[in-house]
Amino acid sequence: MEVTLILFYFLLIVVAFLYSAVGHGGASGYLALMALFSFAAETMRPTALLLNLFVSLIAFFQYYRSGYFKWKLFWPFAVTSIPAAFFGGLITIDASIYKKILAVLLLFSVVKLLGMKFKTKELLVEQNSLLSLLIGAIIGLFAGMIGIGGGIILSPLVLLLHWANMKQTAALSALFIFVNSLSGFAGLLVKGFEYKNEMGIMLVIAFIGGIAGSYYGSRKFENALLNKILAVVLIMASVKLFFT
């Protein structure tokens, strides 16, 4: 096995671990790694969505079991994001445009990983259902188009709007990512895509990292050093995507 491939798999399990620890599927991290290792653009989206499905479901299970999931918080986002993600999965984007959009979205992950501070008290204000429906539709569309679950965008918004605390937001994001990834992947299946054998290997590796990360994350896990290292990886990927 080549050294570069071993390095890729090592970074993949680290990404799955860290993202699942905060209730995310890790698609933005997977896409960043694939960009750094020069994966073809047409294989990046289905691979990221597939990995997202399993890792986000694991994360949701752990946070749900710990009592952090709030259905009332979740459904207004999901009802519009699911059809929007399916439609986004049907859209074919030019490779250069795809890379530029992804480069911008990766910066959301950087902000999250570098520890942007939010007030994390119990619900401070009542959730606005109409605004939630709009947010869900917009994020869902991008989720399907780019191959992300959308949690990395939703989480900061929910926290900034003071609709939930950190743990509740992590539980919300995990299920939001799962349903969007499933819907976006369904759109890709309808349109048709080529399955690669390496997707299965990546799935097993991400699954292992997701189990470990979600277990520790739902029980108060923090590792600032690893978060900063991953943030540097995402910045490097974002720069590469802008200039390739």
C-alpha atoms as a PDB file:
ATOM      1  CA  MET A   1       0.000   0.000   0.000  1.00  0.00           C
ATOM      2  CA  GLU A   2       1.360   3.422  -0.960  1.00  0.00           C
ATOM      3  CA  VAL A   3       2.443   5.824   1.769  1.00  0.00           C
ATOM      4  CA  THR A   4       0.077   8.523   0.462  1.00  0.00           C
ATOM      5  CA  LEU A   5      -2.866   6.117   0.671  1.00  0.00           C
ATOM      6  CA  ILE A   6      -1.964   5.149   4.253  1.00  0.00           C
ATOM      7  CA  LEU A   7      -1.766   8.846   5.142  1.00  0.00           C
ATOM      8  CA  PHE A   8      -5.153   9.461   3.518  1.00  0.00           C
ATOM      9  CA  TYR A   9      -6.801   6.644   5.484  1.00  0.00           C
ATOM     10  CA  PHE A  10      -5.216   7.856   8.732  1.00  0.00           C
ATOM     11  CA  LEU A  11      -6.511  11.386   8.190  1.00  0.00           C
ATOM     12  CA  LEU A  12      -9.911   9.992   7.225  1.00  0.00           C
ATOM     13  CA  ILE A  13     -10.382   8.222  10.559  1.00  0.00           C
ATOM     14  CA  VAL A  14      -9.246  11.380  12.409  1.00  0.00           C
ATOM     15  CA  VAL A  15     -11.776  13.488  10.473  1.00  0.00           C
ATOM     16  CA  ALA A  16     -14.604  11.021  11.174  1.00  0.00           C
ATOM     17  CA  PHE A  17     -13.670  10.949  14.868  1.00  0.00           C
ATOM     18  CA  LEU A  18     -13.563  14.730  15.327  1.00  0.00           C
ATOM     19  CA  TYR A  19     -16.688  15.540  13.328  1.00  0.00           C
ATOM     20  CA  SER A  20     -18.833  12.827  14.900  1.00  0.00           C
ATOM     21  CA  ALA A  21     -17.706  14.072  18.318  1.00  0.00           C
ATOM     22  CA  VAL A  22     -19.657  17.281  17.668  1.00  0.00           C
ATOM     23  CA  GLY A  23     -22.610  15.606  15.930  1.00  0.00           C
ATOM     24  CA  HIS A  24     -21.439  16.044  12.340  1.00  0.00           C
ATOM     25  CA  GLY A  25     -21.075  13.511   9.551  1.00  0.00           C
ATOM     26  CA  GLY A  26     -17.763  14.965   8.394  1.00  0.00           C
ATOM     27  CA  ALA A  27     -18.522  15.518   4.695  1.00  0.00           C
ATOM     28  CA  SER A  28     -16.685  18.833   4.554  1.00  0.00           C
ATOM     29  CA  GLY A  29     -13.634  17.136   6.063  1.00  0.00           C
ATOM     30  CA  TYR A  30     -13.859  14.162   3.691  1.00  0.00           C
ATOM     31  CA  LEU A  31     -14.201  16.496   0.723  1.00  0.00           C
ATOM     32  CA  ALA A  32     -11.212  18.510   1.913  1.00  0.00           C
ATOM     33  CA  LEU A  33      -9.078  15.377   2.154  1.00  0.00           C
ATOM     34  CA  MET A  34     -10.180  14.169  -1.255  1.00  0.00           C
ATOM     35  CA  ALA A  35      -9.330  17.571  -2.702  1.00  0.00           C
ATOM     36  CA  LEU A  36      -5.869  17.499  -1.119  1.00  0.00           C
ATOM     37  CA  PHE A  37      -5.255  14.000  -2.463  1.00  0.00           C
ATOM     38  CA  SER A  38      -6.506  14.985  -5.944  1.00  0.00           C
ATOM     39  CA  PHE A  39      -9.627  12.822  -6.178  1.00  0.00           C
ATOM     40  CA  ALA A  40     -11.745  13.396  -9.282  1.00  0.00           C
ATOM     41  CA  ALA A  41     -14.534  15.921  -8.680  1.00  0.00           C
ATOM     42  CA  GLU A  42     -17.229  13.543  -9.965  1.00  0.00           C
ATOM     43  CA  THR A  43     -16.378  10.942  -7.300  1.00  0.00           C
ATOM     44  CA  MET A  44     -16.095  13.361  -4.384  1.00  0.00           C
ATOM     45  CA  ARG A  45     -19.783  14.139  -3.938  1.00  0.00           C
ATOM     46  CA  PRO A  46     -21.200  10.564  -3.848  1.00  0.00           C
ATOM     47  CA  THR A  47     -18.317   9.372  -1.649  1.00  0.00           C
ATOM     48  CA  ALA A  48     -18.810  12.166   0.890  1.00  0.00           C
ATOM     49  CA  LEU A  49     -22.587  11.624   1.034  1.00  0.00           C
ATOM     50  CA  LEU A  50     -22.156   7.883   1.515  1.00  0.00           C
ATOM     51  CA  LEU A  51     -19.670   8.335   4.371  1.00  0.00           C
ATOM     52  CA  ASN A  52     -21.882  11.027   5.867  1.00  0.00           C
ATOM     53  CA  LEU A  53     -24.862   8.681   6.041  1.00  0.00           C
ATOM     54  CA  PHE A  54     -23.217   6.197   8.356  1.00  0.00           C
ATOM     55  CA  VAL A  55     -21.153   8.540  10.531  1.00  0.00           C
ATOM     56  CA  SER A  56     -24.006  10.992  11.161  1.00  0.00           C
ATOM     57  CA  LEU A  57     -26.384   8.159  12.065  1.00  0.00           C
ATOM     58  CA  ILE A  58     -23.894   6.865  14.638  1.00  0.00           C
ATOM     59  CA  ALA A  59     -23.502  10.354  16.087  1.00  0.00           C
ATOM     60  CA  PHE A  60     -27.271  10.865  16.254  1.00  0.00           C
ATOM     61  CA  PHE A  61     -27.765   7.565  18.078  1.00  0.00           C
ATOM     62  CA  GLN A  62     -25.263   8.537  20.785  1.00  0.00           C
ATOM     63  CA  TYR A  63     -26.698  12.029  21.313  1.00  0.00           C
ATOM     64  CA  TYR A  64     -30.289  10.734  21.199  1.00  0.00           C
ATOM     65  CA  ARG A  65     -29.481   8.105  23.784  1.00  0.00           C
ATOM     66  CA  SER A  66     -28.038  10.832  26.004  1.00  0.00           C
ATOM     67  CA  GLY A  67     -31.336  12.759  25.776  1.00  0.00           C
ATOM     68  CA  TYR A  68     -30.236  15.787  23.748  1.00  0.00           C
ATOM     69  CA  PHE A  69     -32.461  15.427  20.670  1.00  0.00           C
ATOM     70  CA  LYS A  70     -35.480  17.786  20.361  1.00  0.00           C
ATOM     71  CA  TRP A  71     -37.988  16.863  17.640  1.00  0.00           C
ATOM     72  CA  LYS A  72     -39.616  20.308  17.822  1.00  0.00           C
ATOM     73  CA  LEU A  73     -36.273  21.889  16.928  1.00  0.00           C
ATOM     74  CA  PHE A  74     -35.571  19.444  14.100  1.00  0.00           C
ATOM     75  CA  TRP A  75     -38.695  19.148  11.969  1.00  0.00           C
ATOM     76  CA  PRO A  76     -38.975  22.729  10.573  1.00  0.00           C
ATOM     77  CA  PHE A  77     -35.484  22.410   9.079  1.00  0.00           C
ATOM     78  CA  ALA A  78     -36.030  18.884   7.768  1.00  0.00           C
ATOM     79  CA  VAL A  79     -39.380  19.406   6.050  1.00  0.00           C
ATOM     80  CA  THR A  80     -37.837  21.743   3.462  1.00  0.00           C
ATOM     81  CA  SER A  81     -34.249  20.497   3.433  1.00  0.00           C
ATOM     82  CA  ILE A  82     -35.094  16.906   2.419  1.00  0.00           C
ATOM     83  CA  PRO A  83     -36.765  17.731  -0.940  1.00  0.00           C
ATOM     84  CA  ALA A  84     -34.228  20.507  -1.573  1.00  0.00           C
ATOM     85  CA  ALA A  85     -31.318  18.082  -1.020  1.00  0.00           C
ATOM     86  CA  PHE A  86     -32.870  15.585  -3.441  1.00  0.00           C
ATOM     87  CA  PHE A  87     -33.191  18.294  -6.080  1.00  0.00           C
ATOM     88  CA  GLY A  88     -29.611  19.403  -5.384  1.00  0.00           C
ATOM     89  CA  GLY A  89     -28.412  15.841  -5.920  1.00  0.00           C
ATOM     90  CA  LEU A  90     -29.905  15.915  -9.411  1.00  0.00           C
ATOM     91  CA  ILE A  91     -27.956  19.027 -10.368  1.00  0.00           C
ATOM     92  CA  THR A  92     -24.697  18.627 -12.256  1.00  0.00           C
ATOM     93  CA  ILE A  93     -22.208  21.392 -11.481  1.00  0.00           C
ATOM     94  CA  ASP A  94     -19.167  22.344 -13.528  1.00  0.00           C
ATOM     95  CA  ALA A  95     -16.054  21.011 -11.764  1.00  0.00           C
ATOM     96  CA  SER A  96     -14.420  24.452 -11.415  1.00  0.00           C
ATOM     97  CA  ILE A  97     -17.566  26.022  -9.940  1.00  0.00           C
ATOM     98  CA  TYR A  98     -18.026  23.022  -7.647  1.00  0.00           C
ATOM     99  CA  LYS A  99     -14.519  23.469  -6.247  1.00  0.00           C
ATOM    100  CA  LYS A 100     -15.013  27.191  -5.597  1.00  0.00           C
ATOM    101  CA  ILE A 101     -18.304  26.672  -3.747  1.00  0.00           C
ATOM    102  CA  LEU A 102     -16.777  23.858  -1.708  1.00  0.00           C
ATOM    103  CA  ALA A 103     -13.759  26.023  -0.848  1.00  0.00           C
ATOM    104  CA  VAL A 104     -16.063  28.653   0.674  1.00  0.00           C
ATOM    105  CA  LEU A 105     -18.115  26.078   2.597  1.00  0.00           C
ATOM    106  CA  LEU A 106     -14.955  24.570   4.087  1.00  0.00           C
ATOM    107  CA  LEU A 107     -14.354  27.855   5.887  1.00  0.00           C
ATOM    108  CA  PHE A 108     -17.474  27.202   7.992  1.00  0.00           C
ATOM    109  CA  SER A 109     -15.755  24.073   9.259  1.00  0.00           C
ATOM    110  CA  VAL A 110     -12.609  26.040  10.068  1.00  0.00           C
ATOM    111  CA  VAL A 111     -14.584  28.523  12.174  1.00  0.00           C
ATOM    112  CA  LYS A 112     -16.238  25.650  14.044  1.00  0.00           C
ATOM    113  CA  LEU A 113     -12.998  23.755  14.647  1.00  0.00           C
ATOM    114  CA  LEU A 114     -11.065  26.794  15.825  1.00  0.00           C
ATOM    115  CA  GLY A 115     -13.548  27.240  18.630  1.00  0.00           C
ATOM    116  CA  MET A 116     -15.796  30.174  17.766  1.00  0.00           C
ATOM    117  CA  LYS A 117     -17.553  30.884  21.040  1.00  0.00           C
ATOM    118  CA  PHE A 118     -21.330  30.850  21.390  1.00  0.00           C
ATOM    119  CA  LYS A 119     -23.604  31.296  24.352  1.00  0.00           C
ATOM    120  CA  THR A 120     -24.618  27.805  25.347  1.00  0.00           C
ATOM    121  CA  LYS A 121     -27.390  28.317  27.878  1.00  0.00           C
ATOM    122  CA  GLU A 122     -30.702  26.496  27.617  1.00  0.00           C
ATOM    123  CA  LEU A 123     -33.109  27.858  24.971  1.00  0.00           C
ATOM    124  CA  LEU A 124     -32.862  31.625  25.157  1.00  0.00           C
ATOM    125  CA  VAL A 125     -35.471  32.499  22.529  1.00  0.00           C
ATOM    126  CA  GLU A 126     -38.333  30.689  20.815  1.00  0.00           C
ATOM    127  CA  GLN A 127     -37.462  29.108  17.486  1.00  0.00           C
ATOM    128  CA  ASN A 128     -38.886  30.901  14.439  1.00  0.00           C
ATOM    129  CA  SER A 129     -40.552  28.194  12.334  1.00  0.00           C
ATOM    130  CA  LEU A 130     -40.793  30.227   9.119  1.00  0.00           C
ATOM    131  CA  LEU A 131     -37.125  31.189   9.282  1.00  0.00           C
ATOM    132  CA  SER A 132     -36.250  27.558  10.034  1.00  0.00           C
ATOM    133  CA  LEU A 133     -38.144  26.414   6.919  1.00  0.00           C
ATOM    134  CA  LEU A 134     -36.202  28.910   4.782  1.00  0.00           C
ATOM    135  CA  ILE A 135     -32.847  27.959   6.310  1.00  0.00           C
ATOM    136  CA  GLY A 136     -33.608  24.276   5.790  1.00  0.00           C
ATOM    137  CA  ALA A 137     -34.425  24.766   2.100  1.00  0.00           C
ATOM    138  CA  ILE A 138     -31.273  26.763   1.365  1.00  0.00           C
ATOM    139  CA  ILE A 139     -28.917  24.457   3.251  1.00  0.00           C
ATOM    140  CA  GLY A 140     -30.611  21.365   1.821  1.00  0.00           C
ATOM    141  CA  LEU A 141     -30.080  22.556  -1.738  1.00  0.00           C
ATOM    142  CA  PHE A 142     -26.367  23.127  -1.140  1.00  0.00           C
ATOM    143  CA  ALA A 143     -26.131  19.813   0.707  1.00  0.00           C
ATOM    144  CA  GLY A 144     -27.322  17.886  -2.331  1.00  0.00           C
ATOM    145  CA  MET A 145     -25.352  19.950  -4.832  1.00  0.00           C
ATOM    146  CA  ILE A 146     -22.002  19.809  -3.045  1.00  0.00           C
ATOM    147  CA  GLY A 147     -22.186  16.506  -1.159  1.00  0.00           C
ATOM    148  CA  ILE A 148     -22.353  17.759   2.416  1.00  0.00           C
ATOM    149  CA  GLY A 149     -25.009  17.135   5.041  1.00  0.00           C
ATOM    150  CA  GLY A 150     -25.334  20.812   5.921  1.00  0.00           C
ATOM    151  CA  GLY A 151     -24.742  20.474   9.643  1.00  0.00           C
ATOM    152  CA  ILE A 152     -21.564  22.524   9.546  1.00  0.00           C
ATOM    153  CA  ILE A 153     -23.672  25.467   8.290  1.00  0.00           C
ATOM    154  CA  LEU A 154     -26.747  24.811  10.416  1.00  0.00           C
ATOM    155  CA  SER A 155     -24.941  24.466  13.756  1.00  0.00           C
ATOM    156  CA  PRO A 156     -23.447  27.984  13.898  1.00  0.00           C
ATOM    157  CA  LEU A 157     -26.782  29.493  12.794  1.00  0.00           C
ATOM    158  CA  VAL A 158     -28.781  27.697  15.491  1.00  0.00           C
ATOM    159  CA  LEU A 159     -26.270  28.701  18.165  1.00  0.00           C
ATOM    160  CA  LEU A 160     -26.081  32.315  16.982  1.00  0.00           C
ATOM    161  CA  LEU A 161     -29.891  32.524  17.014  1.00  0.00           C
ATOM    162  CA  HIS A 162     -29.877  31.051  20.562  1.00  0.00           C
ATOM    163  CA  TRP A 163     -32.408  28.342  19.704  1.00  0.00           C
ATOM    164  CA  ALA A 164     -30.481  25.529  21.402  1.00  0.00           C
ATOM    165  CA  ASN A 165     -27.406  24.763  23.484  1.00  0.00           C
ATOM    166  CA  MET A 166     -24.309  22.975  22.191  1.00  0.00           C
ATOM    167  CA  LYS A 167     -25.415  19.403  22.932  1.00  0.00           C
ATOM    168  CA  GLN A 168     -28.920  19.912  21.547  1.00  0.00           C
ATOM    169  CA  THR A 169     -27.421  21.476  18.433  1.00  0.00           C
ATOM    170  CA  ALA A 170     -25.095  18.499  17.978  1.00  0.00           C
ATOM    171  CA  ALA A 171     -28.057  16.096  18.164  1.00  0.00           C
ATOM    172  CA  LEU A 172     -30.053  18.259  15.734  1.00  0.00           C
ATOM    173  CA  SER A 173     -27.138  18.459  13.293  1.00  0.00           C
ATOM    174  CA  ALA A 174     -26.518  14.721  13.320  1.00  0.00           C
ATOM    175  CA  LEU A 175     -30.040  13.805  12.186  1.00  0.00           C
ATOM    176  CA  PHE A 176     -30.241  16.817   9.842  1.00  0.00           C
ATOM    177  CA  ILE A 177     -27.039  15.625   8.154  1.00  0.00           C
ATOM    178  CA  PHE A 178     -28.357  12.067   7.881  1.00  0.00           C
ATOM    179  CA  VAL A 179     -31.669  12.956   6.207  1.00  0.00           C
ATOM    180  CA  ASN A 180     -30.030  15.435   3.831  1.00  0.00           C
ATOM    181  CA  SER A 181     -27.267  13.005   2.900  1.00  0.00           C
ATOM    182  CA  LEU A 182     -29.839  10.274   2.282  1.00  0.00           C
ATOM    183  CA  SER A 183     -31.961  12.597   0.142  1.00  0.00           C
ATOM    184  CA  GLY A 184     -28.968  13.947  -1.786  1.00  0.00           C
ATOM    185  CA  PHE A 185     -27.652  10.433  -2.359  1.00  0.00           C
ATOM    186  CA  ALA A 186     -31.081   9.374  -3.644  1.00  0.00           C
ATOM    187  CA  GLY A 187     -30.874  12.219  -6.162  1.00  0.00           C
ATOM    188  CA  LEU A 188     -27.477  10.948  -7.304  1.00  0.00           C
ATOM    189  CA  LEU A 189     -28.864   7.419  -7.656  1.00  0.00           C
ATOM    190  CA  VAL A 190     -31.676   8.673  -9.866  1.00  0.00           C
ATOM    191  CA  LYS A 191     -29.212  10.615 -11.998  1.00  0.00           C
ATOM    192  CA  GLY A 192     -26.704   7.750 -11.945  1.00  0.00           C
ATOM    193  CA  PHE A 193     -23.116   7.603 -10.664  1.00  0.00           C
ATOM    194  CA  GLU A 194     -20.229   5.152 -10.810  1.00  0.00           C
ATOM    195  CA  TYR A 195     -19.546   3.163  -7.634  1.00  0.00           C
ATOM    196  CA  LYS A 196     -15.847   2.745  -6.801  1.00  0.00           C
ATOM    197  CA  ASN A 197     -14.484  -0.150  -4.711  1.00  0.00           C
ATOM    198  CA  GLU A 198     -12.444   2.234  -2.553  1.00  0.00           C
ATOM    199  CA  MET A 199     -15.700   3.762  -1.314  1.00  0.00           C
ATOM    200  CA  GLY A 200     -16.304   0.595   0.718  1.00  0.00           C
ATOM    201  CA  ILE A 201     -12.868   0.771   2.343  1.00  0.00           C
ATOM    202  CA  MET A 202     -13.353   4.440   3.177  1.00  0.00           C
ATOM    203  CA  LEU A 203     -16.781   3.636   4.618  1.00  0.00           C
ATOM    204  CA  VAL A 204     -15.367   1.071   7.055  1.00  0.00           C
ATOM    205  CA  ILE A 205     -12.616   3.462   8.185  1.00  0.00           C
ATOM    206  CA  ALA A 206     -15.013   6.388   8.657  1.00  0.00           C
ATOM    207  CA  PHE A 207     -17.468   4.097  10.475  1.00  0.00           C
ATOM    208  CA  ILE A 208     -14.811   3.151  13.038  1.00  0.00           C
ATOM    209  CA  GLY A 209     -13.810   6.785  13.575  1.00  0.00           C
ATOM    210  CA  GLY A 210     -17.465   7.788  13.848  1.00  0.00           C
ATOM    211  CA  ILE A 211     -18.245   5.237  16.552  1.00  0.00           C
ATOM    212  CA  ALA A 212     -15.314   6.379  18.692  1.00  0.00           C
ATOM    213  CA  GLY A 213     -15.888  10.098  18.149  1.00  0.00           C
ATOM    214  CA  SER A 214     -19.621  10.089  18.828  1.00  0.00           C
ATOM    215  CA  TYR A 215     -19.137   8.010  21.985  1.00  0.00           C
ATOM    216  CA  TYR A 216     -16.676  10.485  23.489  1.00  0.00           C
ATOM    217  CA  GLY A 217     -18.382  13.564  22.060  1.00  0.00           C
ATOM    218  CA  SER A 218     -21.734  12.778  23.656  1.00  0.00           C
ATOM    219  CA  ARG A 219     -19.883  12.454  26.975  1.00  0.00           C
ATOM    220  CA  LYS A 220     -18.049  15.799  26.932  1.00  0.00           C
ATOM    221  CA  PHE A 221     -14.997  15.295  24.738  1.00  0.00           C
ATOM    222  CA  GLU A 222     -12.643  18.046  23.694  1.00  0.00           C
ATOM    223  CA  ASN A 223      -9.247  18.065  22.002  1.00  0.00           C
ATOM    224  CA  ALA A 224      -8.203  21.554  20.963  1.00  0.00           C
ATOM    225  CA  LEU A 225      -4.906  20.463  19.394  1.00  0.00           C
ATOM    226  CA  LEU A 226      -6.490  17.956  17.012  1.00  0.00           C
ATOM    227  CA  ASN A 227      -9.168  20.497  16.099  1.00  0.00           C
ATOM    228  CA  LYS A 228      -6.503  23.043  15.167  1.00  0.00           C
ATOM    229  CA  ILE A 229      -4.576  20.498  13.100  1.00  0.00           C
ATOM    230  CA  LEU A 230      -7.719  19.582  11.201  1.00  0.00           C
ATOM    231  CA  ALA A 231      -8.533  23.272  10.701  1.00  0.00           C
ATOM    232  CA  VAL A 232      -5.129  23.730   9.039  1.00  0.00           C
ATOM    233  CA  VAL A 233      -5.898  20.776   6.730  1.00  0.00           C
ATOM    234  CA  LEU A 234      -9.214  22.360   5.762  1.00  0.00           C
ATOM    235  CA  ILE A 235      -7.576  25.723   5.063  1.00  0.00           C
ATOM    236  CA  MET A 236      -4.992  24.040   2.849  1.00  0.00           C
ATOM    237  CA  ALA A 237      -7.747  22.220   0.975  1.00  0.00           C
ATOM    238  CA  SER A 238      -9.756  25.422   0.577  1.00  0.00           C
ATOM    239  CA  VAL A 239      -6.741  27.245  -0.896  1.00  0.00           C
ATOM    240  CA  LYS A 240      -6.040  24.343  -3.269  1.00  0.00           C
ATOM    241  CA  LEU A 241      -9.655  24.270  -4.436  1.00  0.00           C
ATOM    242  CA  PHE A 242      -9.620  28.014  -5.156  1.00  0.00           C
ATOM    243  CA  PHE A 243      -6.544  27.755  -7.352  1.00  0.00           C
ATOM    244  CA  THR A 244      -7.163  24.461  -9.221  1.00  0.00           C
END
